Amino acid sequence: MVCPVGAGLRKKIRIFIVGLFAVLIYLRIPNPQATRSNRVEGTIHSKGVPMMDQMEKTPLRVIIFLFLLCWGMATSQGETDSVAPPVPQRIVSLAPSTTEILFDLGLGSKVVGVTRFCDYPSSATSVAKIGGLMDMNYEAIVKLHPDLAVLLTTHRDAQRELSKVKIKTLLTPHEKIADIHEAIRMIGEACAAQDAASQRLDNLTSRTEVVRRAVEKCPRPRVLVCVGRDASVNELNEIYVAGRHTFYDEIIEAAGGGNAFPDGKIPYPQITPEGVLRINPDVIIDLVTEHIGPGKKNPEQIVQQWNVVRLVNAVRKHQVFVLNDNDALRPGPRYIQFLEKLAHLLHPDAFPGESRHD
């Protein structure tokens, strides 16, 4: 932030006065040689050498030098405080989650480039496309003349390429809930939207805490989250699930459940129907947004595909749920909606008379 003129001037004056005071103290310190000489001659003043005498003994060029030094310190300090990096006016976003954060903080009008996967909010779909998550079109990015590119921490290669063409980058974390909060804070600070970021973080923190308190005494079902599979066929295969120490692992815990997948070595392992039988989860959450919609399957048809493992507790007790909103697939500010949905599904009795946030 640019320091206001009044505040900057006051700070300069304070520094100058302190420096001038130091000069005056210097002038009042007795000259050791003169003091010894005066003792010998028996002429030393009981309170030391008078100030005017000391000033007379101090070369004029030394006084001028100290005076200018104090003023220079005050001026340079004021100039340092008043200089701030320019606020980005042309931003490219290289991930759907960062695009959502930018728009959520009221910076949508400054976003000039997004990936082809950035479809939320709807206004982001009309922004120029600069490629995908891992296949950025650097030539297209350069033509947009951005003064900031917002990336994920997994975009190290992209950061190196953009630095070669002198484009400023901001790497944001995205793997945990705390990472999402940090990304919001970082983007808010980099784009002079600290107030909006602070308000959003307060909202996310309070809503997350409401969920945690509501479910803290509830029994914790074992939850298996399917993050991807080919649901276009009627067979249950190529099932990718959320492992331990992931974004989904945190969401399950906060919603009052426990991750049914026992192995923490692979973040998103692939398992077979037989693997689902061995895990035997109490609840299955199926995130298959790309296979639901007009001309595709409906949620009921997706649920029926799990009948292949009908002996699993979740299937026997009708605890297979399909979530087709992409807020569950993106570690952005809408994670709170996924958390609230999941908590209501796992513990509907913990939220009597309360409708889920949208």
Protein backbone atom coordinates (compact mmCIF):
# COMPACT_ATOMS: atom_id res chain seq x y z
CA MET A 1 0.00 0.00 0.00
CA VAL A 2 1.24 3.53 -0.79
CA CYS A 3 1.93 5.49 2.38
CA PRO A 4 -0.37 8.57 2.66
CA VAL A 5 1.42 11.91 2.26
CA GLY A 6 0.61 13.07 5.79
CA ALA A 7 1.78 9.86 7.44
CA GLY A 8 4.95 9.78 5.34
CA LEU A 9 5.81 13.37 6.19
CA ARG A 10 5.22 12.80 9.90
CA LYS A 11 7.54 9.80 9.82
CA LYS A 12 10.25 11.85 8.10
CA ILE A 13 9.96 14.57 10.74
CA ARG A 14 10.18 12.02 13.57
CA ILE A 15 13.33 10.48 12.10
CA PHE A 16 14.87 13.90 11.53
CA ILE A 17 14.16 15.04 15.10
CA VAL A 18 15.66 11.85 16.52
CA GLY A 19 18.76 12.31 14.37
CA LEU A 20 19.07 15.98 15.33
CA PHE A 21 18.72 15.05 19.00
CA ALA A 22 21.57 12.58 18.55
CA VAL A 23 23.71 15.40 17.07
CA LEU A 24 22.97 17.64 20.05
CA ILE A 25 23.94 14.86 22.46
CA TYR A 26 27.14 14.41 20.51
CA LEU A 27 27.92 18.09 20.82
CA ARG A 28 27.44 17.98 24.60
CA ILE A 29 29.89 15.10 25.12
CA PRO A 30 33.12 16.58 26.51
CA ASN A 31 36.23 16.22 24.45
CA PRO A 32 38.43 13.76 26.43
CA GLN A 33 41.61 15.56 25.47
CA ALA A 34 40.17 18.91 26.43
CA THR A 35 38.89 17.51 29.72
CA ARG A 36 42.29 16.17 30.70
CA SER A 37 43.89 19.47 29.71
CA ASN A 38 41.39 21.44 31.76
CA ARG A 39 42.01 19.22 34.79
CA VAL A 40 45.70 19.91 34.56
CA GLU A 41 45.07 23.61 34.35
CA GLY A 42 42.35 23.44 37.02
CA THR A 43 39.78 25.16 34.80
CA ILE A 44 37.21 22.39 34.14
CA HIS A 45 33.54 23.39 34.72
CA SER A 46 31.77 21.39 37.40
CA LYS A 47 29.16 20.27 34.87
CA GLY A 48 31.56 19.56 32.03
CA VAL A 49 32.53 21.64 29.02
CA PRO A 50 29.91 24.26 28.13
CA MET A 51 27.96 23.52 24.94
CA MET A 52 29.06 26.63 23.06
CA ASP A 53 32.69 25.88 23.89
CA GLN A 54 32.28 22.36 22.57
CA MET A 55 30.60 23.60 19.39
CA GLU A 56 33.46 26.00 18.86
CA LYS A 57 35.85 23.07 19.11
CA THR A 58 33.82 20.99 16.63
CA PRO A 59 34.69 21.63 12.97
CA LEU A 60 31.81 23.19 11.03
CA ARG A 61 32.03 20.56 8.29
CA VAL A 62 31.34 17.81 10.86
CA ILE A 63 28.18 19.58 12.05
CA ILE A 64 26.97 20.05 8.46
CA PHE A 65 27.71 16.41 7.65
CA LEU A 66 25.73 15.12 10.62
CA PHE A 67 22.82 17.45 9.81
CA LEU A 68 22.65 16.26 6.19
CA LEU A 69 23.00 12.63 7.29
CA CYS A 70 19.92 12.94 9.52
CA TRP A 71 17.88 14.55 6.77
CA GLY A 72 19.02 11.96 4.24
CA MET A 73 17.98 9.13 6.54
CA ALA A 74 14.53 10.66 7.00
CA THR A 75 14.03 11.25 3.29
CA SER A 76 15.21 7.81 2.18
CA GLN A 77 13.07 6.10 4.82
CA GLY A 78 10.00 8.00 3.67
CA GLU A 79 10.67 7.12 0.05
CA THR A 80 11.10 3.44 0.91
CA ASP A 81 7.79 3.33 2.73
CA SER A 82 5.92 5.01 -0.10
CA VAL A 83 7.06 2.62 -2.83
CA ALA A 84 4.89 -0.46 -3.34
CA PRO A 85 4.76 -3.01 -6.16
CA PRO A 86 2.14 -2.17 -8.77
CA VAL A 87 -1.25 -3.83 -8.39
CA PRO A 88 -1.76 -6.43 -11.17
CA GLN A 89 -4.25 -5.31 -13.80
CA ARG A 90 -3.98 -8.20 -16.29
CA ILE A 91 -4.03 -11.65 -14.68
CA VAL A 92 -3.91 -15.12 -16.19
CA SER A 93 -5.04 -18.11 -14.13
CA LEU A 94 -3.67 -21.56 -14.85
CA ALA A 95 -6.07 -23.65 -12.77
CA PRO A 96 -9.84 -23.80 -12.15
CA SER A 97 -9.34 -23.39 -8.40
CA THR A 98 -7.27 -20.21 -8.74
CA THR A 99 -9.77 -18.83 -11.25
CA GLU A 100 -12.54 -19.37 -8.71
CA ILE A 101 -10.52 -17.59 -6.02
CA LEU A 102 -9.83 -14.61 -8.27
CA PHE A 103 -13.49 -14.19 -9.17
CA ASP A 104 -14.57 -14.81 -5.59
CA LEU A 105 -12.36 -11.92 -4.43
CA GLY A 106 -13.91 -9.55 -6.96
CA LEU A 107 -10.95 -9.66 -9.36
CA GLY A 108 -12.80 -11.18 -12.32
CA SER A 109 -12.59 -7.99 -14.39
CA LYS A 110 -8.78 -8.23 -14.26
CA VAL A 111 -8.61 -11.86 -15.42
CA VAL A 112 -7.61 -11.93 -19.10
CA GLY A 113 -6.75 -15.63 -19.53
CA VAL A 114 -7.89 -18.97 -18.06
CA THR A 115 -7.61 -22.67 -18.87
CA ARG A 116 -10.23 -24.52 -20.89
CA PHE A 117 -11.30 -26.26 -17.67
CA CYS A 118 -12.20 -23.00 -15.91
CA ASP A 119 -15.99 -23.03 -16.07
CA TYR A 120 -16.91 -21.47 -12.73
CA PRO A 121 -18.24 -18.91 -12.32
CA SER A 122 -20.04 -18.83 -15.65
CA SER A 123 -18.45 -15.48 -16.50
CA ALA A 124 -15.06 -17.24 -16.58
CA THR A 125 -16.12 -19.20 -19.66
CA SER A 126 -16.01 -16.04 -21.79
CA VAL A 127 -12.38 -15.28 -20.88
CA ALA A 128 -9.64 -16.06 -23.40
CA LYS A 129 -8.31 -19.62 -23.14
CA ILE A 130 -4.61 -20.30 -22.68
CA GLY A 131 -4.57 -24.12 -22.82
CA GLY A 132 -5.06 -26.77 -20.16
CA LEU A 133 -3.68 -27.54 -16.75
CA MET A 134 -0.52 -29.21 -18.05
CA ASP A 135 -0.42 -28.06 -21.68
CA MET A 136 -0.33 -24.28 -21.45
CA ASN A 137 -0.08 -22.28 -24.64
CA TYR A 138 2.77 -19.93 -23.74
CA GLU A 139 2.46 -17.98 -26.96
CA ALA A 140 -1.19 -17.25 -26.18
CA ILE A 141 -0.24 -16.20 -22.65
CA VAL A 142 2.42 -13.78 -23.89
CA LYS A 143 -0.01 -12.19 -26.35
CA LEU A 144 -2.32 -11.32 -23.48
CA HIS A 145 0.43 -9.16 -21.90
CA PRO A 146 -0.28 -10.27 -18.33
CA ASP A 147 1.42 -8.64 -15.36
CA LEU A 148 0.68 -11.66 -13.15
CA ALA A 149 0.19 -15.39 -13.73
CA VAL A 150 -1.40 -17.35 -10.88
CA LEU A 151 -0.30 -21.00 -10.80
CA LEU A 152 -0.34 -24.05 -8.56
CA THR A 153 2.73 -25.34 -6.77
CA THR A 154 2.73 -28.25 -9.23
CA HIS A 155 3.34 -25.78 -12.08
CA ARG A 156 7.10 -25.40 -11.55
CA ASP A 157 7.86 -26.00 -15.22
CA ALA A 158 5.32 -23.39 -16.27
CA GLN A 159 6.81 -20.94 -13.79
CA ARG A 160 10.26 -21.39 -15.34
CA GLU A 161 8.90 -20.85 -18.85
CA LEU A 162 7.00 -17.72 -17.85
CA SER A 163 9.99 -16.29 -16.01
CA LYS A 164 11.96 -16.53 -19.25
CA VAL A 165 9.57 -14.01 -20.83
CA LYS A 166 9.56 -11.79 -17.73
CA ILE A 167 6.03 -12.62 -16.59
CA LYS A 168 5.58 -12.39 -12.83
CA THR A 169 4.16 -15.56 -11.28
CA LEU A 170 2.45 -16.51 -8.04
CA LEU A 171 2.59 -20.17 -6.96
CA THR A 172 -0.30 -21.20 -4.72
CA PRO A 173 -0.72 -24.41 -2.67
CA HIS A 174 -3.83 -26.55 -3.15
CA GLU A 175 -3.56 -29.97 -1.50
CA LYS A 176 -5.13 -29.34 1.92
CA ILE A 177 -7.83 -27.15 3.43
CA ALA A 178 -5.11 -24.99 4.99
CA ASP A 179 -3.56 -24.69 1.50
CA ILE A 180 -6.82 -23.34 0.11
CA HIS A 181 -6.92 -20.73 2.85
CA GLU A 182 -3.29 -19.81 2.20
CA ALA A 183 -3.95 -19.50 -1.55
CA ILE A 184 -6.81 -17.10 -0.87
CA ARG A 185 -4.61 -15.03 1.42
CA MET A 186 -1.71 -14.98 -1.08
CA ILE A 187 -3.88 -13.95 -4.03
CA GLY A 188 -5.61 -11.29 -1.94
CA GLU A 189 -2.26 -9.84 -0.88
CA ALA A 190 -0.75 -9.94 -4.37
CA CYS A 191 -3.79 -8.27 -5.95
CA ALA A 192 -4.60 -5.68 -3.25
CA ALA A 193 -7.77 -7.54 -2.24
CA GLN A 194 -6.81 -8.22 1.37
CA ASP A 195 -10.18 -7.15 2.76
CA ALA A 196 -12.13 -9.47 0.47
CA ALA A 197 -9.73 -12.31 1.24
CA SER A 198 -10.05 -11.74 4.97
CA GLN A 199 -13.84 -11.77 4.78
CA ARG A 200 -13.85 -14.98 2.74
CA LEU A 201 -11.44 -16.68 5.13
CA ASP A 202 -13.54 -15.66 8.12
CA ASN A 203 -16.61 -17.11 6.40
CA LEU A 204 -14.90 -20.40 5.52
CA THR A 205 -13.44 -20.77 9.00
CA SER A 206 -16.73 -20.14 10.77
CA ARG A 207 -18.74 -22.46 8.52
CA THR A 208 -16.16 -25.23 8.85
CA GLU A 209 -16.26 -24.87 12.62
CA VAL A 210 -20.07 -25.08 12.64
CA VAL A 211 -19.84 -28.44 10.84
CA ARG A 212 -17.12 -29.76 13.14
CA ARG A 213 -19.07 -28.88 16.26
CA ALA A 214 -22.28 -30.41 14.90
CA VAL A 215 -20.70 -33.81 14.19
CA GLU A 216 -18.03 -34.06 16.88
CA LYS A 217 -20.04 -36.51 19.03
CA CYS A 218 -21.49 -38.53 16.16
CA PRO A 219 -20.28 -42.05 15.30
CA ARG A 220 -17.86 -41.99 12.38
CA PRO A 221 -18.82 -44.14 9.39
CA ARG A 222 -16.09 -45.45 7.09
CA VAL A 223 -16.34 -43.46 3.86
CA LEU A 224 -14.95 -44.34 0.44
CA VAL A 225 -14.74 -41.41 -1.98
CA CYS A 226 -14.57 -42.34 -5.65
CA VAL A 227 -12.86 -39.42 -7.40
CA GLY A 228 -12.97 -40.87 -10.89
CA ARG A 229 -14.08 -43.83 -12.99
CA ASP A 230 -15.57 -44.62 -16.39
CA ALA A 231 -19.26 -44.47 -15.61
CA SER A 232 -20.22 -44.32 -19.29
CA VAL A 233 -20.31 -48.13 -19.33
CA ASN A 234 -22.45 -50.30 -17.11
CA GLU A 235 -19.50 -52.06 -15.56
CA LEU A 236 -17.81 -51.01 -12.35
CA ASN A 237 -14.12 -50.68 -13.25
CA GLU A 238 -11.14 -48.34 -13.15
CA ILE A 239 -12.17 -46.99 -9.77
CA TYR A 240 -9.93 -44.24 -8.44
CA VAL A 241 -10.43 -43.41 -4.78
CA ALA A 242 -9.13 -40.83 -2.32
CA GLY A 243 -6.31 -42.18 -0.19
CA ARG A 244 -4.90 -40.90 3.06
CA HIS A 245 -3.35 -37.47 3.60
CA THR A 246 -5.33 -35.83 0.79
CA PHE A 247 -7.79 -32.99 0.48
CA TYR A 248 -10.65 -35.51 0.58
CA ASP A 249 -9.22 -37.21 3.64
CA GLU A 250 -9.52 -33.89 5.49
CA ILE A 251 -13.03 -33.26 4.18
CA ILE A 252 -14.20 -36.72 5.31
CA GLU A 253 -12.77 -36.15 8.78
CA ALA A 254 -14.28 -32.67 9.12
CA ALA A 255 -17.67 -34.00 7.98
CA GLY A 256 -17.69 -36.60 10.75
CA GLY A 257 -16.45 -39.69 8.94
CA GLY A 258 -13.30 -41.73 8.54
CA ASN A 259 -11.51 -42.59 5.33
CA ALA A 260 -12.25 -46.25 4.53
CA PHE A 261 -9.16 -46.64 2.36
CA PRO A 262 -6.41 -47.93 4.67
CA ASP A 263 -3.22 -47.31 2.66
CA GLY A 264 -1.58 -43.89 2.82
CA LYS A 265 1.22 -44.46 0.30
CA ILE A 266 -0.65 -43.47 -2.87
CA PRO A 267 -2.84 -40.34 -2.83
CA TYR A 268 -5.36 -41.58 -5.40
CA PRO A 269 -4.99 -45.34 -5.94
CA GLN A 270 -6.94 -47.40 -8.46
CA ILE A 271 -8.89 -50.35 -7.06
CA THR A 272 -11.10 -53.12 -8.47
CA PRO A 273 -14.61 -54.18 -7.40
CA GLU A 274 -12.93 -56.92 -5.38
CA GLY A 275 -10.94 -54.21 -3.64
CA VAL A 276 -14.19 -52.42 -2.73
CA LEU A 277 -15.47 -55.69 -1.23
CA ARG A 278 -12.34 -56.04 0.88
CA ILE A 279 -12.55 -52.43 2.11
CA ASN A 280 -16.29 -52.79 2.76
CA PRO A 281 -17.10 -49.10 3.38
CA ASP A 282 -20.19 -47.91 5.23
CA VAL A 283 -20.71 -45.03 2.80
CA ILE A 284 -19.66 -44.53 -0.84
CA ILE A 285 -19.45 -41.04 -2.36
CA ASP A 286 -19.25 -41.15 -6.16
CA LEU A 287 -17.97 -37.99 -7.89
CA VAL A 288 -18.74 -38.55 -11.57
CA THR A 289 -19.76 -35.11 -12.82
CA GLU A 290 -18.71 -35.68 -16.44
CA HIS A 291 -21.08 -38.63 -16.92
CA ILE A 292 -24.27 -36.95 -15.68
CA GLY A 293 -26.46 -34.65 -17.74
CA PRO A 294 -28.61 -34.46 -20.86
CA GLY A 295 -27.91 -37.39 -23.15
CA LYS A 296 -25.86 -39.07 -20.42
CA LYS A 297 -26.75 -40.98 -17.29
CA ASN A 298 -28.77 -39.78 -14.32
CA PRO A 299 -27.69 -40.19 -10.67
CA GLU A 300 -29.97 -43.22 -10.12
CA GLN A 301 -28.31 -45.10 -12.97
CA ILE A 302 -24.88 -44.29 -11.53
CA VAL A 303 -25.91 -45.66 -8.14
CA GLN A 304 -27.19 -48.88 -9.70
CA GLN A 305 -23.75 -49.59 -11.15
CA TRP A 306 -22.54 -50.27 -7.59
CA ASN A 307 -24.92 -53.23 -7.30
CA VAL A 308 -22.05 -55.31 -8.64
CA VAL A 309 -20.69 -55.19 -5.07
CA ARG A 310 -24.07 -55.61 -3.38
CA LEU A 311 -22.51 -57.33 -0.36
CA VAL A 312 -20.72 -54.11 0.62
CA ASN A 313 -22.31 -52.39 3.61
CA ALA A 314 -22.81 -49.11 1.74
CA VAL A 315 -24.70 -50.84 -1.07
CA ARG A 316 -26.78 -53.06 1.22
CA LYS A 317 -27.84 -50.10 3.36
CA HIS A 318 -28.45 -47.73 0.44
CA GLN A 319 -25.61 -45.44 1.44
CA VAL A 320 -24.21 -44.83 -2.05
CA PHE A 321 -24.47 -41.13 -2.96
CA VAL A 322 -23.69 -39.42 -6.25
CA LEU A 323 -22.50 -35.81 -6.15
CA ASN A 324 -22.42 -34.20 -9.56
CA ASP A 325 -21.36 -30.66 -8.66
CA ASN A 326 -17.77 -29.85 -9.49
CA ASP A 327 -17.23 -28.06 -6.17
CA ALA A 328 -16.20 -31.49 -4.87
CA LEU A 329 -13.47 -31.80 -7.48
CA ARG A 330 -11.71 -28.47 -6.99
CA PRO A 331 -9.67 -27.37 -3.99
CA GLY A 332 -11.03 -23.83 -4.06
CA PRO A 333 -13.32 -21.66 -1.93
CA ARG A 334 -16.34 -23.84 -2.75
CA TYR A 335 -14.87 -26.73 -0.78
CA ILE A 336 -17.14 -25.58 2.03
CA GLN A 337 -20.21 -26.56 -0.01
CA PHE A 338 -18.82 -30.07 -0.50
CA LEU A 339 -18.04 -30.30 3.22
CA GLU A 340 -21.56 -29.25 4.20
CA LYS A 341 -23.18 -31.63 1.72
CA LEU A 342 -21.09 -34.55 2.96
CA ALA A 343 -21.78 -33.76 6.61
CA HIS A 344 -25.52 -33.67 5.94
CA LEU A 345 -25.33 -37.02 4.12
CA LEU A 346 -23.32 -38.71 6.87
CA HIS A 347 -25.18 -37.21 9.82
CA PRO A 348 -28.59 -35.83 8.78
CA ASP A 349 -29.79 -35.90 12.39
CA ALA A 350 -26.99 -33.53 13.43
CA PHE A 351 -28.57 -30.73 11.42
CA PRO A 352 -32.27 -30.72 12.36
CA GLY A 353 -34.29 -28.19 10.45
CA GLU A 354 -31.19 -26.79 8.75
CA SER A 355 -30.85 -26.57 5.00
CA ARG A 356 -27.48 -27.02 3.38
CA HIS A 357 -25.56 -23.91 2.27
CA ASP A 358 -25.30 -23.30 -1.47
